[in-house]
C-alpha atoms as a PDB file:
ATOM      1  CA  MET A   1      28.204  54.012  38.757  1.00  0.00           C
ATOM      2  CA  ALA A   2      26.828  55.545  35.613  1.00  0.00           C
ATOM      3  CA  GLU A   3      27.267  53.546  32.436  1.00  0.00           C
ATOM      4  CA  ASN A   4      29.474  55.129  29.776  1.00  0.00           C
ATOM      5  CA  ARG A   5      27.298  55.242  26.660  1.00  0.00           C
ATOM      6  CA  SER A   6      30.034  56.636  24.431  1.00  0.00           C
ATOM      7  CA  GLU A   7      31.758  53.277  24.255  1.00  0.00           C
ATOM      8  CA  GLU A   8      31.200  51.348  21.082  1.00  0.00           C
ATOM      9  CA  THR A   9      28.817  48.441  21.383  1.00  0.00           C
ATOM     10  CA  LYS A  10      29.363  45.350  19.337  1.00  0.00           C
ATOM     11  CA  ASP A  11      26.493  44.595  16.984  1.00  0.00           C
ATOM     12  CA  THR A  12      26.124  40.851  16.965  1.00  0.00           C
ATOM     13  CA  GLY A  13      22.729  40.828  15.226  1.00  0.00           C
ATOM     14  CA  PRO A  14      22.162  40.230  11.531  1.00  0.00           C
ATOM     15  CA  ASN A  15      22.831  43.075   9.148  1.00  0.00           C
ATOM     16  CA  LEU A  16      19.700  44.807   7.777  1.00  0.00           C
ATOM     17  CA  ALA A  17      21.125  44.672   4.229  1.00  0.00           C
ATOM     18  CA  ILE A  18      21.483  40.878   4.480  1.00  0.00           C
ATOM     19  CA  ILE A  19      17.921  40.544   5.782  1.00  0.00           C
ATOM     20  CA  GLY A  20      16.602  42.765   2.968  1.00  0.00           C
ATOM     21  CA  ALA A  21      18.548  40.793   0.347  1.00  0.00           C
ATOM     22  CA  ALA A  22      17.227  37.502   1.756  1.00  0.00           C
ATOM     23  CA  ILE A  23      13.659  38.780   1.609  1.00  0.00           C
ATOM     24  CA  ALA A  24      14.201  39.969  -1.982  1.00  0.00           C
ATOM     25  CA  VAL A  25      15.547  36.532  -2.978  1.00  0.00           C
ATOM     26  CA  VAL A  26      12.546  34.782  -1.382  1.00  0.00           C
ATOM     27  CA  ILE A  27      10.142  37.105  -3.221  1.00  0.00           C
ATOM     28  CA  LEU A  28      11.998  36.525  -6.492  1.00  0.00           C
ATOM     29  CA  ILE A  29      11.798  32.729  -6.003  1.00  0.00           C
ATOM     30  CA  LEU A  30       8.042  33.026  -5.322  1.00  0.00           C
ATOM     31  CA  PHE A  31       7.606  35.006  -8.556  1.00  0.00           C
ATOM     32  CA  VAL A  32       9.575  32.378 -10.483  1.00  0.00           C
ATOM     33  CA  VAL A  33       7.490  29.525  -9.108  1.00  0.00           C
ATOM     34  CA  ALA A  34       4.206  31.326  -9.754  1.00  0.00           C
ATOM     35  CA  ASN A  35       5.040  32.395 -13.327  1.00  0.00           C
ATOM     36  CA  THR A  36       5.884  29.412 -15.482  1.00  0.00           C
ATOM     37  CA  LYS A  37       3.781  30.374 -18.509  1.00  0.00           C
ATOM     38  CA  LYS A  38       5.340  31.355 -21.818  1.00  0.00           C
ATOM     39  CA  THR A  39       5.179  34.871 -23.251  1.00  0.00           C
ATOM     40  CA  GLU A  40       6.471  37.035 -26.081  1.00  0.00           C
ATOM     41  CA  VAL A  41       9.125  39.654 -25.321  1.00  0.00           C
ATOM     42  CA  ASN A  42       9.669  42.814 -27.380  1.00  0.00           C
ATOM     43  CA  PHE A  43      12.366  45.169 -26.112  1.00  0.00           C
ATOM     44  CA  LEU A  44      13.853  47.847 -28.362  1.00  0.00           C
ATOM     45  CA  ILE A  45      15.324  45.748 -31.195  1.00  0.00           C
ATOM     46  CA  PHE A  46      15.174  42.458 -29.308  1.00  0.00           C
ATOM     47  CA  LYS A  47      12.244  40.111 -29.925  1.00  0.00           C
ATOM     48  CA  ALA A  48      11.734  36.624 -28.523  1.00  0.00           C
ATOM     49  CA  ASP A  49       8.819  34.198 -28.663  1.00  0.00           C
ATOM     50  CA  ASP A  50       8.008  31.507 -26.111  1.00  0.00           C
ATOM     51  CA  VAL A  51      10.064  32.876 -23.240  1.00  0.00           C
ATOM     52  CA  SER A  52       9.126  31.771 -19.729  1.00  0.00           C
ATOM     53  CA  VAL A  53       7.793  34.640 -17.646  1.00  0.00           C
ATOM     54  CA  TRP A  54      10.231  33.690 -14.861  1.00  0.00           C
ATOM     55  CA  TRP A  55      13.150  34.329 -17.225  1.00  0.00           C
ATOM     56  CA  VAL A  56      11.772  37.802 -17.908  1.00  0.00           C
ATOM     57  CA  ILE A  57      11.471  38.439 -14.178  1.00  0.00           C
ATOM     58  CA  VAL A  58      14.966  37.208 -13.355  1.00  0.00           C
ATOM     59  CA  LEU A  59      16.587  39.126 -16.223  1.00  0.00           C
ATOM     60  CA  SER A  60      14.667  42.255 -15.257  1.00  0.00           C
ATOM     61  CA  ALA A  61      15.899  41.924 -11.681  1.00  0.00           C
ATOM     62  CA  ILE A  62      19.492  41.488 -12.856  1.00  0.00           C
ATOM     63  CA  ILE A  63      19.279  44.471 -15.224  1.00  0.00           C
ATOM     64  CA  THR A  64      17.761  46.577 -12.442  1.00  0.00           C
ATOM     65  CA  LEU A  65      20.519  45.583 -10.019  1.00  0.00           C
ATOM     66  CA  ILE A  66      23.242  46.428 -12.539  1.00  0.00           C
ATOM     67  CA  GLY A  67      21.591  49.774 -13.318  1.00  0.00           C
ATOM     68  CA  GLU A  68      21.298  50.622  -9.640  1.00  0.00           C
ATOM     69  CA  ARG A  69      24.933  49.794  -9.001  1.00  0.00           C
ATOM     70  CA  LEU A  70      26.117  51.869 -11.982  1.00  0.00           C
ATOM     71  CA  ALA A  71      23.946  54.825 -10.944  1.00  0.00           C
ATOM     72  CA  GLY A  72      25.263  54.596  -7.377  1.00  0.00           C
ATOM     73  CA  PHE A  73      28.849  54.467  -8.598  1.00  0.00           C
ATOM     74  CA  ALA A  74      28.312  57.513 -10.829  1.00  0.00           C
ATOM     75  CA  TRP A  75      26.630  59.390  -7.985  1.00  0.00           C
ATOM     76  CA  ARG A  76      29.472  58.671  -5.536  1.00  0.00           C
ATOM     77  CA  ARG A  77      32.107  59.618  -8.103  1.00  0.00           C
ATOM     78  CA  ARG A  78      30.317  62.879  -8.889  1.00  0.00           C
ATOM     79  CA  ARG A  79      29.971  63.718  -5.209  1.00  0.00           C
ATOM     80  CA  ALA A  80      33.653  62.937  -4.561  1.00  0.00           C
ATOM     81  CA  SER A  81      34.627  65.204  -7.455  1.00  0.00           C
ATOM     82  CA  LYS A  82      32.573  68.055  -5.986  1.00  0.00           C
ATOM     83  CA  ASP A  83      34.115  67.511  -2.558  1.00  0.00           C
ATOM     84  CA  LYS A  84      37.653  67.744  -3.981  1.00  0.00           C
ATOM     85  CA  ARG A  85      36.865  71.097  -5.606  1.00  0.00           C
ATOM     86  CA  LYS A  86      35.892  72.662  -2.255  1.00  0.00           C
END
């Protein structure tokens, strides 16, 4: 008999998002371990001396993640608003 391909198949493998996040965490840890020197940070009105480079990397990653999430939220909200108007 022919196999019915329209049936849903259960995906028991790991989620690609989880794999991507795990790879990103490993890369971030490698950056932290490799960058233990101190540096000076000047950002807009914020200035700091003797900050570990790994702190700059981690804070930059966190700020980027927050910005990405806020932009995604705004994009979805805007799109939903356009869909309601139609």
